[in-house]
Amino acid sequence: VPVGPMYQKLHAGESVELDDGTVVESEQIVGP
């Protein structure tokens, strides 16, 4: 995950899609 807006989206509970199409879910990065 590149540093920048995707970090904010993940921390806000949203998932993001990387350039290669990989989807990263918030719960993979953010604790309870």
Full PDB file with SEQRES, HELIX, SHEET, SSBOND, CRYST1, ORIGX, SCALE, CONECT and MASTER records, all heavy atoms in Angstrom:
SEQRES   1 A   32  VAL PRO VAL GLY PRO MET TYR GLN LYS LEU HIS ALA GLY          
SEQRES   2 A   32  GLU SER VAL GLU LEU ASP ASP GLY THR VAL VAL GLU SER          
SEQRES   3 A   32  GLU GLN ILE VAL GLY PRO                                      
HELIX    1 AA1 PRO A    5  HIS A   11  1                                   7    
HELIX    2 AA2 SER A   26  GLN A   28  5                                   3    
SHEET    1 AA1 2 VAL A  16  GLU A  17  0                                        
SHEET    2 AA1 2 VAL A  23  VAL A  24 -1                                        
CRYST1    1.000    1.000    1.000  90.00  90.00  90.00 P 1           1          
ORIGX1      1.000000  0.000000  0.000000        0.00000                         
ORIGX2      0.000000  1.000000  0.000000        0.00000                         
ORIGX3      0.000000  0.000000  1.000000        0.00000                         
SCALE1      1.000000  0.000000  0.000000        0.00000                         
SCALE2      0.000000  1.000000  0.000000        0.00000                         
SCALE3      0.000000  0.000000  1.000000        0.00000                         
ATOM      1  N   VAL A   1       0.859  -1.192   0.000  1.00  0.00           N  
ATOM      2  CA  VAL A   1       0.000   0.000   0.000  1.00  0.00           C  
ATOM      3  C   VAL A   1       0.892   1.239   0.000  1.00  0.00           C  
ATOM      4  O   VAL A   1       1.718   1.412   0.902  1.00  0.00           O  
ATOM      5  CB  VAL A   1      -0.923   0.030   1.229  1.00  0.00           C  
ATOM      6  CG1 VAL A   1      -1.813   1.275   1.186  1.00  0.00           C  
ATOM      7  CG2 VAL A   1      -1.770  -1.238   1.295  1.00  0.00           C  
ATOM      8  N   PRO A   2       0.758   2.111  -0.998  1.00  0.00           N  
ATOM      9  CA  PRO A   2       1.603   3.313  -1.048  1.00  0.00           C  
ATOM     10  C   PRO A   2       1.186   4.334   0.016  1.00  0.00           C  
ATOM     11  O   PRO A   2       0.003   4.465   0.345  1.00  0.00           O  
ATOM     12  CB  PRO A   2       1.355   3.860  -2.461  1.00  0.00           C  
ATOM     13  CG  PRO A   2      -0.018   3.391  -2.804  1.00  0.00           C  
ATOM     14  CD  PRO A   2      -0.164   2.042  -2.165  1.00  0.00           C  
ATOM     15  N   VAL A   3       2.171   5.027   0.537  1.00  0.00           N  
ATOM     16  CA  VAL A   3       1.895   6.078   1.516  1.00  0.00           C  
ATOM     17  C   VAL A   3       1.042   7.161   0.861  1.00  0.00           C  
ATOM     18  O   VAL A   3       1.307   7.570  -0.276  1.00  0.00           O  
ATOM     19  CB  VAL A   3       3.208   6.696   2.039  1.00  0.00           C  
ATOM     20  CG1 VAL A   3       2.901   7.857   2.987  1.00  0.00           C  
ATOM     21  CG2 VAL A   3       4.054   5.647   2.737  1.00  0.00           C  
ATOM     22  N   GLY A   4       0.010   7.612   1.571  1.00  0.00           N  
ATOM     23  CA  GLY A   4      -0.845   8.662   1.027  1.00  0.00           C  
ATOM     24  C   GLY A   4      -2.302   8.426   1.337  1.00  0.00           C  
ATOM     25  O   GLY A   4      -2.649   7.849   2.378  1.00  0.00           O  
ATOM     26  N   PRO A   5      -3.191   8.836   0.442  1.00  0.00           N  
ATOM     27  CA  PRO A   5      -4.634   8.774   0.702  1.00  0.00           C  
ATOM     28  C   PRO A   5      -5.156   7.375   1.028  1.00  0.00           C  
ATOM     29  O   PRO A   5      -6.134   7.247   1.770  1.00  0.00           O  
ATOM     30  CB  PRO A   5      -5.252   9.290  -0.606  1.00  0.00           C  
ATOM     31  CG  PRO A   5      -4.192  10.150  -1.212  1.00  0.00           C  
ATOM     32  CD  PRO A   5      -2.892   9.496  -0.846  1.00  0.00           C  
ATOM     33  N   MET A   6      -4.502   6.330   0.496  1.00  0.00           N  
ATOM     34  CA  MET A   6      -4.984   4.980   0.791  1.00  0.00           C  
ATOM     35  C   MET A   6      -4.854   4.656   2.279  1.00  0.00           C  
ATOM     36  O   MET A   6      -5.669   3.912   2.829  1.00  0.00           O  
ATOM     37  CB  MET A   6      -4.226   3.946  -0.048  1.00  0.00           C  
ATOM     38  CG  MET A   6      -4.619   3.912  -1.505  1.00  0.00           C  
ATOM     39  SD  MET A   6      -3.878   2.522  -2.380  1.00  0.00           S  
ATOM     40  CE  MET A   6      -4.524   2.772  -4.026  1.00  0.00           C  
ATOM     41  N   TYR A   7      -3.839   5.193   2.922  1.00  0.00           N  
ATOM     42  CA  TYR A   7      -3.679   4.990   4.358  1.00  0.00           C  
ATOM     43  C   TYR A   7      -4.898   5.544   5.095  1.00  0.00           C  
ATOM     44  O   TYR A   7      -5.440   4.923   6.015  1.00  0.00           O  
ATOM     45  CB  TYR A   7      -2.410   5.687   4.863  1.00  0.00           C  
ATOM     46  CG  TYR A   7      -1.128   4.888   4.705  1.00  0.00           C  
ATOM     47  CD1 TYR A   7      -1.008   3.908   3.735  1.00  0.00           C  
ATOM     48  CD2 TYR A   7      -0.046   5.137   5.528  1.00  0.00           C  
ATOM     49  CE1 TYR A   7       0.164   3.195   3.582  1.00  0.00           C  
ATOM     50  CE2 TYR A   7       1.137   4.425   5.398  1.00  0.00           C  
ATOM     51  CZ  TYR A   7       1.240   3.456   4.418  1.00  0.00           C  
ATOM     52  OH  TYR A   7       2.403   2.747   4.279  1.00  0.00           O  
ATOM     53  N   GLN A   8      -5.317   6.736   4.692  1.00  0.00           N  
ATOM     54  CA  GLN A   8      -6.455   7.370   5.352  1.00  0.00           C  
ATOM     55  C   GLN A   8      -7.731   6.564   5.147  1.00  0.00           C  
ATOM     56  O   GLN A   8      -8.529   6.398   6.075  1.00  0.00           O  
ATOM     57  CB  GLN A   8      -6.630   8.786   4.824  1.00  0.00           C  
ATOM     58  CG  GLN A   8      -5.455   9.715   5.133  1.00  0.00           C  
ATOM     59  CD  GLN A   8      -5.590  11.074   4.471  1.00  0.00           C  
ATOM     60  OE1 GLN A   8      -6.363  11.238   3.535  1.00  0.00           O  
ATOM     61  NE2 GLN A   8      -4.834  12.047   4.962  1.00  0.00           N  
ATOM     62  N   LYS A   9      -7.937   6.068   3.931  1.00  0.00           N  
ATOM     63  CA  LYS A   9      -9.126   5.270   3.656  1.00  0.00           C  
ATOM     64  C   LYS A   9      -9.135   3.984   4.478  1.00  0.00           C  
ATOM     65  O   LYS A   9     -10.164   3.610   5.045  1.00  0.00           O  
ATOM     66  CB  LYS A   9      -9.201   4.938   2.167  1.00  0.00           C  
ATOM     67  CG  LYS A   9      -9.546   6.126   1.279  1.00  0.00           C  
ATOM     68  CD  LYS A   9      -9.703   5.696  -0.175  1.00  0.00           C  
ATOM     69  CE  LYS A   9     -10.117   6.868  -1.059  1.00  0.00           C  
ATOM     70  NZ  LYS A   9     -10.288   6.453  -2.465  1.00  0.00           N  
ATOM     71  N   LEU A  10      -7.999   3.324   4.557  1.00  0.00           N  
ATOM     72  CA  LEU A  10      -7.910   2.093   5.339  1.00  0.00           C  
ATOM     73  C   LEU A  10      -8.182   2.362   6.812  1.00  0.00           C  
ATOM     74  O   LEU A  10      -8.909   1.613   7.469  1.00  0.00           O  
ATOM     75  CB  LEU A  10      -6.534   1.452   5.157  1.00  0.00           C  
ATOM     76  CG  LEU A  10      -6.283   0.797   3.796  1.00  0.00           C  
ATOM     77  CD1 LEU A  10      -4.797   0.518   3.592  1.00  0.00           C  
ATOM     78  CD2 LEU A  10      -7.079  -0.508   3.675  1.00  0.00           C  
ATOM     79  N   HIS A  11      -7.616   3.453   7.315  1.00  0.00           N  
ATOM     80  CA  HIS A  11      -7.818   3.770   8.735  1.00  0.00           C  
ATOM     81  C   HIS A  11      -9.262   4.154   9.006  1.00  0.00           C  
ATOM     82  O   HIS A  11      -9.761   3.995  10.138  1.00  0.00           O  
ATOM     83  CB  HIS A  11      -6.879   4.898   9.166  1.00  0.00           C  
ATOM     84  CG  HIS A  11      -6.535   4.856  10.617  1.00  0.00           C  
ATOM     85  ND1 HIS A  11      -5.820   5.832  11.256  1.00  0.00           N  
ATOM     86  CD2 HIS A  11      -6.819   3.935  11.581  1.00  0.00           C  
ATOM     87  CE1 HIS A  11      -5.674   5.519  12.530  1.00  0.00           C  
ATOM     88  NE2 HIS A  11      -6.265   4.376  12.759  1.00  0.00           N  
ATOM     89  N   ALA A  12      -9.965   4.639   7.992  1.00  0.00           N  
ATOM     90  CA  ALA A  12     -11.371   5.002   8.129  1.00  0.00           C  
ATOM     91  C   ALA A  12     -12.302   3.806   7.956  1.00  0.00           C  
ATOM     92  O   ALA A  12     -13.525   3.948   8.003  1.00  0.00           O  
ATOM     93  CB  ALA A  12     -11.736   6.089   7.130  1.00  0.00           C  
ATOM     94  N   GLY A  13     -11.731   2.611   7.724  1.00  0.00           N  
ATOM     95  CA  GLY A  13     -12.535   1.406   7.600  1.00  0.00           C  
ATOM     96  C   GLY A  13     -12.872   1.003   6.179  1.00  0.00           C  
ATOM     97  O   GLY A  13     -13.639   0.055   5.968  1.00  0.00           O  
ATOM     98  N   GLU A  14     -12.317   1.694   5.193  1.00  0.00           N  
ATOM     99  CA  GLU A  14     -12.606   1.377   3.798  1.00  0.00           C  
ATOM    100  C   GLU A  14     -11.547   0.431   3.232  1.00  0.00           C  
ATOM    101  O   GLU A  14     -10.415   0.379   3.711  1.00  0.00           O  
ATOM    102  CB  GLU A  14     -12.622   2.659   2.966  1.00  0.00           C  
ATOM    103  CG  GLU A  14     -13.626   3.698   3.432  1.00  0.00           C  
ATOM    104  CD  GLU A  14     -13.521   4.981   2.624  1.00  0.00           C  
ATOM    105  OE1 GLU A  14     -13.221   4.894   1.416  1.00  0.00           O  
ATOM    106  OE2 GLU A  14     -13.718   6.062   3.209  1.00  0.00           O  
ATOM    107  N   SER A  15     -11.908  -0.296   2.195  1.00  0.00           N  
ATOM    108  CA  SER A  15     -10.945  -1.122   1.466  1.00  0.00           C  
ATOM    109  C   SER A  15     -10.351  -0.293   0.321  1.00  0.00           C  
ATOM    110  O   SER A  15     -10.939   0.710  -0.093  1.00  0.00           O  
ATOM    111  CB  SER A  15     -11.617  -2.375   0.903  1.00  0.00           C  
ATOM    112  OG  SER A  15     -12.650  -2.022  -0.002  1.00  0.00           O  
ATOM    113  N   VAL A  16      -9.191  -0.691  -0.164  1.00  0.00           N  
ATOM    114  CA  VAL A  16      -8.540   0.008  -1.278  1.00  0.00           C  
ATOM    115  C   VAL A  16      -8.087  -1.017  -2.315  1.00  0.00           C  
ATOM    116  O   VAL A  16      -7.841  -2.176  -1.997  1.00  0.00           O  
ATOM    117  CB  VAL A  16      -7.341   0.843  -0.794  1.00  0.00           C  
ATOM    118  CG1 VAL A  16      -7.779   1.917   0.186  1.00  0.00           C  
ATOM    119  CG2 VAL A  16      -6.255  -0.037  -0.188  1.00  0.00           C  
ATOM    120  N   GLU A  17      -7.979  -0.550  -3.558  1.00  0.00           N  
ATOM    121  CA  GLU A  17      -7.499  -1.404  -4.634  1.00  0.00           C  
ATOM    122  C   GLU A  17      -6.161  -0.874  -5.132  1.00  0.00           C  
ATOM    123  O   GLU A  17      -6.031   0.304  -5.482  1.00  0.00           O  
ATOM    124  CB  GLU A  17      -8.503  -1.443  -5.790  1.00  0.00           C  
ATOM    125  CG  GLU A  17      -8.080  -2.392  -6.904  1.00  0.00           C  
ATOM    126  CD  GLU A  17      -9.133  -2.521  -8.000  1.00  0.00           C  
ATOM    127  OE1 GLU A  17     -10.294  -2.078  -7.760  1.00  0.00           O  
ATOM    128  OE2 GLU A  17      -8.793  -3.046  -9.083  1.00  0.00           O  
ATOM    129  N   LEU A  18      -5.147  -1.754  -5.158  1.00  0.00           N  
ATOM    130  CA  LEU A  18      -3.821  -1.368  -5.609  1.00  0.00           C  
ATOM    131  C   LEU A  18      -3.752  -1.362  -7.133  1.00  0.00           C  
ATOM    132  O   LEU A  18      -4.677  -1.833  -7.817  1.00  0.00           O  
ATOM    133  CB  LEU A  18      -2.779  -2.321  -5.034  1.00  0.00           C  
ATOM    134  CG  LEU A  18      -2.790  -2.500  -3.495  1.00  0.00           C  
ATOM    135  CD1 LEU A  18      -1.654  -3.423  -3.067  1.00  0.00           C  
ATOM    136  CD2 LEU A  18      -2.696  -1.154  -2.800  1.00  0.00           C  
ATOM    137  N   ASP A  19      -2.669  -0.843  -7.665  1.00  0.00           N  
ATOM    138  CA  ASP A  19      -2.507  -0.736  -9.123  1.00  0.00           C  
ATOM    139  C   ASP A  19      -2.587  -2.086  -9.814  1.00  0.00           C  
ATOM    140  O   ASP A  19      -3.031  -2.185 -10.965  1.00  0.00           O  
ATOM    141  CB  ASP A  19      -1.174  -0.067  -9.457  1.00  0.00           C  
ATOM    142  CG  ASP A  19      -1.172   1.412  -9.096  1.00  0.00           C  
ATOM    143  OD1 ASP A  19      -2.265   1.975  -8.903  1.00  0.00           O  
ATOM    144  OD2 ASP A  19      -0.069   1.995  -9.005  1.00  0.00           O  
ATOM    145  N   ASP A  20      -2.171  -3.165  -9.110  1.00  0.00           N  
ATOM    146  CA  ASP A  20      -2.195  -4.495  -9.735  1.00  0.00           C  
ATOM    147  C   ASP A  20      -3.526  -5.204  -9.553  1.00  0.00           C  
ATOM    148  O   ASP A  20      -3.678  -6.374  -9.910  1.00  0.00           O  
ATOM    149  CB  ASP A  20      -1.065  -5.364  -9.177  1.00  0.00           C  
ATOM    150  CG  ASP A  20      -1.207  -5.635  -7.686  1.00  0.00           C  
ATOM    151  OD1 ASP A  20      -2.201  -5.167  -7.079  1.00  0.00           O  
ATOM    152  OD2 ASP A  20      -0.322  -6.304  -7.107  1.00  0.00           O  
ATOM    153  N   GLY A  21      -4.510  -4.484  -8.993  1.00  0.00           N  
ATOM    154  CA  GLY A  21      -5.835  -5.059  -8.811  1.00  0.00           C  
ATOM    155  C   GLY A  21      -6.060  -5.725  -7.471  1.00  0.00           C  
ATOM    156  O   GLY A  21      -7.187  -6.132  -7.168  1.00  0.00           O  
ATOM    157  N   THR A  22      -5.025  -5.831  -6.671  1.00  0.00           N  
ATOM    158  CA  THR A  22      -5.175  -6.430  -5.343  1.00  0.00           C  
ATOM    159  C   THR A  22      -6.030  -5.536  -4.449  1.00  0.00           C  
ATOM    160  O   THR A  22      -5.830  -4.321  -4.402  1.00  0.00           O  
ATOM    161  CB  THR A  22      -3.803  -6.630  -4.668  1.00  0.00           C  
ATOM    162  OG1 THR A  22      -3.002  -7.480  -5.502  1.00  0.00           O  
ATOM    163  CG2 THR A  22      -3.952  -7.244  -3.289  1.00  0.00           C  
ATOM    164  N   VAL A  23      -6.978  -6.137  -3.767  1.00  0.00           N  
ATOM    165  CA  VAL A  23      -7.826  -5.406  -2.825  1.00  0.00           C  
ATOM    166  C   VAL A  23      -7.313  -5.655  -1.409  1.00  0.00           C  
ATOM    167  O   VAL A  23      -7.139  -6.804  -0.992  1.00  0.00           O  
ATOM    168  CB  VAL A  23      -9.300  -5.834  -2.935  1.00  0.00           C  
ATOM    169  CG1 VAL A  23     -10.139  -5.154  -1.862  1.00  0.00           C  
ATOM    170  CG2 VAL A  23      -9.836  -5.508  -4.334  1.00  0.00           C  
ATOM    171  N   VAL A  24      -7.057  -4.564  -0.711  1.00  0.00           N  
ATOM    172  CA  VAL A  24      -6.616  -4.649   0.679  1.00  0.00           C  
ATOM    173  C   VAL A  24      -7.745  -4.158   1.573  1.00  0.00           C  
ATOM    174  O   VAL A  24      -8.267  -3.055   1.387  1.00  0.00           O  
ATOM    175  CB  VAL A  24      -5.345  -3.805   0.918  1.00  0.00           C  
ATOM    176  CG1 VAL A  24      -4.925  -3.879   2.394  1.00  0.00           C  
ATOM    177  CG2 VAL A  24      -4.207  -4.278   0.015  1.00  0.00           C  
ATOM    178  N   GLU A  25      -8.149  -5.018   2.524  1.00  0.00           N  
ATOM    179  CA  GLU A  25      -9.227  -4.668   3.444  1.00  0.00           C  
ATOM    180  C   GLU A  25      -8.674  -3.942   4.667  1.00  0.00           C  
ATOM    181  O   GLU A  25      -7.554  -4.184   5.101  1.00  0.00           O  
ATOM    182  CB  GLU A  25      -9.972  -5.935   3.894  1.00  0.00           C  
ATOM    183  CG  GLU A  25     -10.544  -6.774   2.764  1.00  0.00           C  
ATOM    184  CD  GLU A  25     -11.699  -6.093   2.053  1.00  0.00           C  
ATOM    185  OE1 GLU A  25     -12.242  -5.117   2.629  1.00  0.00           O  
ATOM    186  OE2 GLU A  25     -12.063  -6.531   0.955  1.00  0.00           O  
ATOM    187  N   SER A  26      -9.504  -3.083   5.211  1.00  0.00           N  
ATOM    188  CA  SER A  26      -9.095  -2.299   6.379  1.00  0.00           C  
ATOM    189  C   SER A  26      -8.647  -3.188   7.535  1.00  0.00           C  
ATOM    190  O   SER A  26      -7.649  -2.914   8.207  1.00  0.00           O  
ATOM    191  CB  SER A  26     -10.248  -1.403   6.837  1.00  0.00           C  
ATOM    192  OG  SER A  26      -9.919  -0.727   8.029  1.00  0.00           O  
ATOM    193  N   GLU A  27      -9.370  -4.296   7.770  1.00  0.00           N  
ATOM    194  CA  GLU A  27      -9.048  -5.141   8.914  1.00  0.00           C  
ATOM    195  C   GLU A  27      -7.700  -5.853   8.770  1.00  0.00           C  
ATOM    196  O   GLU A  27      -7.176  -6.387   9.754  1.00  0.00           O  
ATOM    197  CB  GLU A  27     -10.162  -6.161   9.171  1.00  0.00           C  
ATOM    198  CG  GLU A  27     -10.566  -6.976   7.972  1.00  0.00           C  
ATOM    199  CD  GLU A  27     -11.763  -6.369   7.239  1.00  0.00           C  
ATOM    200  OE1 GLU A  27     -11.913  -5.128   7.259  1.00  0.00           O  
ATOM    201  OE2 GLU A  27     -12.534  -7.149   6.655  1.00  0.00           O  
ATOM    202  N   GLN A  28      -7.130  -5.848   7.555  1.00  0.00           N  
ATOM    203  CA  GLN A  28      -5.791  -6.406   7.379  1.00  0.00           C  
ATOM    204  C   GLN A  28      -4.714  -5.467   7.937  1.00  0.00           C  
ATOM    205  O   GLN A  28      -3.602  -5.906   8.228  1.00  0.00           O  
ATOM    206  CB  GLN A  28      -5.507  -6.663   5.895  1.00  0.00           C  
ATOM    207  CG  GLN A  28      -6.368  -7.730   5.250  1.00  0.00           C  
ATOM    208  CD  GLN A  28      -6.060  -7.872   3.767  1.00  0.00           C  
ATOM    209  OE1 GLN A  28      -6.773  -7.333   2.918  1.00  0.00           O  
ATOM    210  NE2 GLN A  28      -4.984  -8.575   3.454  1.00  0.00           N  
ATOM    211  N   ILE A  29      -5.073  -4.195   8.084  1.00  0.00           N  
ATOM    212  CA  ILE A  29      -4.097  -3.167   8.465  1.00  0.00           C  
ATOM    213  C   ILE A  29      -4.412  -2.545   9.824  1.00  0.00           C  
ATOM    214  O   ILE A  29      -3.510  -2.186  10.581  1.00  0.00           O  
ATOM    215  CB  ILE A  29      -4.081  -2.030   7.407  1.00  0.00           C  
ATOM    216  CG1 ILE A  29      -3.830  -2.590   6.003  1.00  0.00           C  
ATOM    217  CG2 ILE A  29      -3.062  -0.963   7.779  1.00  0.00           C  
ATOM    218  CD1 ILE A  29      -2.464  -3.201   5.821  1.00  0.00           C  
ATOM    219  N   VAL A  30      -5.688  -2.433  10.114  1.00  0.00           N  
ATOM    220  CA  VAL A  30      -6.131  -1.685  11.294  1.00  0.00           C  
ATOM    221  C   VAL A  30      -6.619  -2.642  12.365  1.00  0.00           C  
ATOM    222  O   VAL A  30      -7.426  -3.548  12.104  1.00  0.00           O  
ATOM    223  CB  VAL A  30      -7.248  -0.684  10.926  1.00  0.00           C  
ATOM    224  CG1 VAL A  30      -7.688   0.095  12.154  1.00  0.00           C  
ATOM    225  CG2 VAL A  30      -6.773   0.258   9.827  1.00  0.00           C  
ATOM    226  N   GLY A  31      -6.160  -2.444  13.582  1.00  0.00           N  
ATOM    227  CA  GLY A  31      -6.562  -3.269  14.708  1.00  0.00           C  
ATOM    228  C   GLY A  31      -7.980  -2.972  15.163  1.00  0.00           C  
ATOM    229  O   GLY A  31      -8.657  -2.095  14.617  1.00  0.00           O  
ATOM    230  N   PRO A  32      -8.456  -3.680  16.177  1.00  0.00           N  
ATOM    231  CA  PRO A  32      -9.819  -3.463  16.680  1.00  0.00           C  
ATOM    232  C   PRO A  32      -9.966  -2.089  17.317  1.00  0.00           C  
ATOM    233  O   PRO A  32      -8.975  -1.479  17.749  1.00  0.00           O  
ATOM    234  CB  PRO A  32      -9.986  -4.578  17.722  1.00  0.00           C  
ATOM    235  CG  PRO A  32      -8.594  -4.932  18.136  1.00  0.00           C  
ATOM    236  CD  PRO A  32      -7.740  -4.734  16.925  1.00  0.00           C  
TER     237      PRO A  32                                                      
MASTER        0    0    0    2    2    0    0    6  236    1    0    3          
END                                                                             
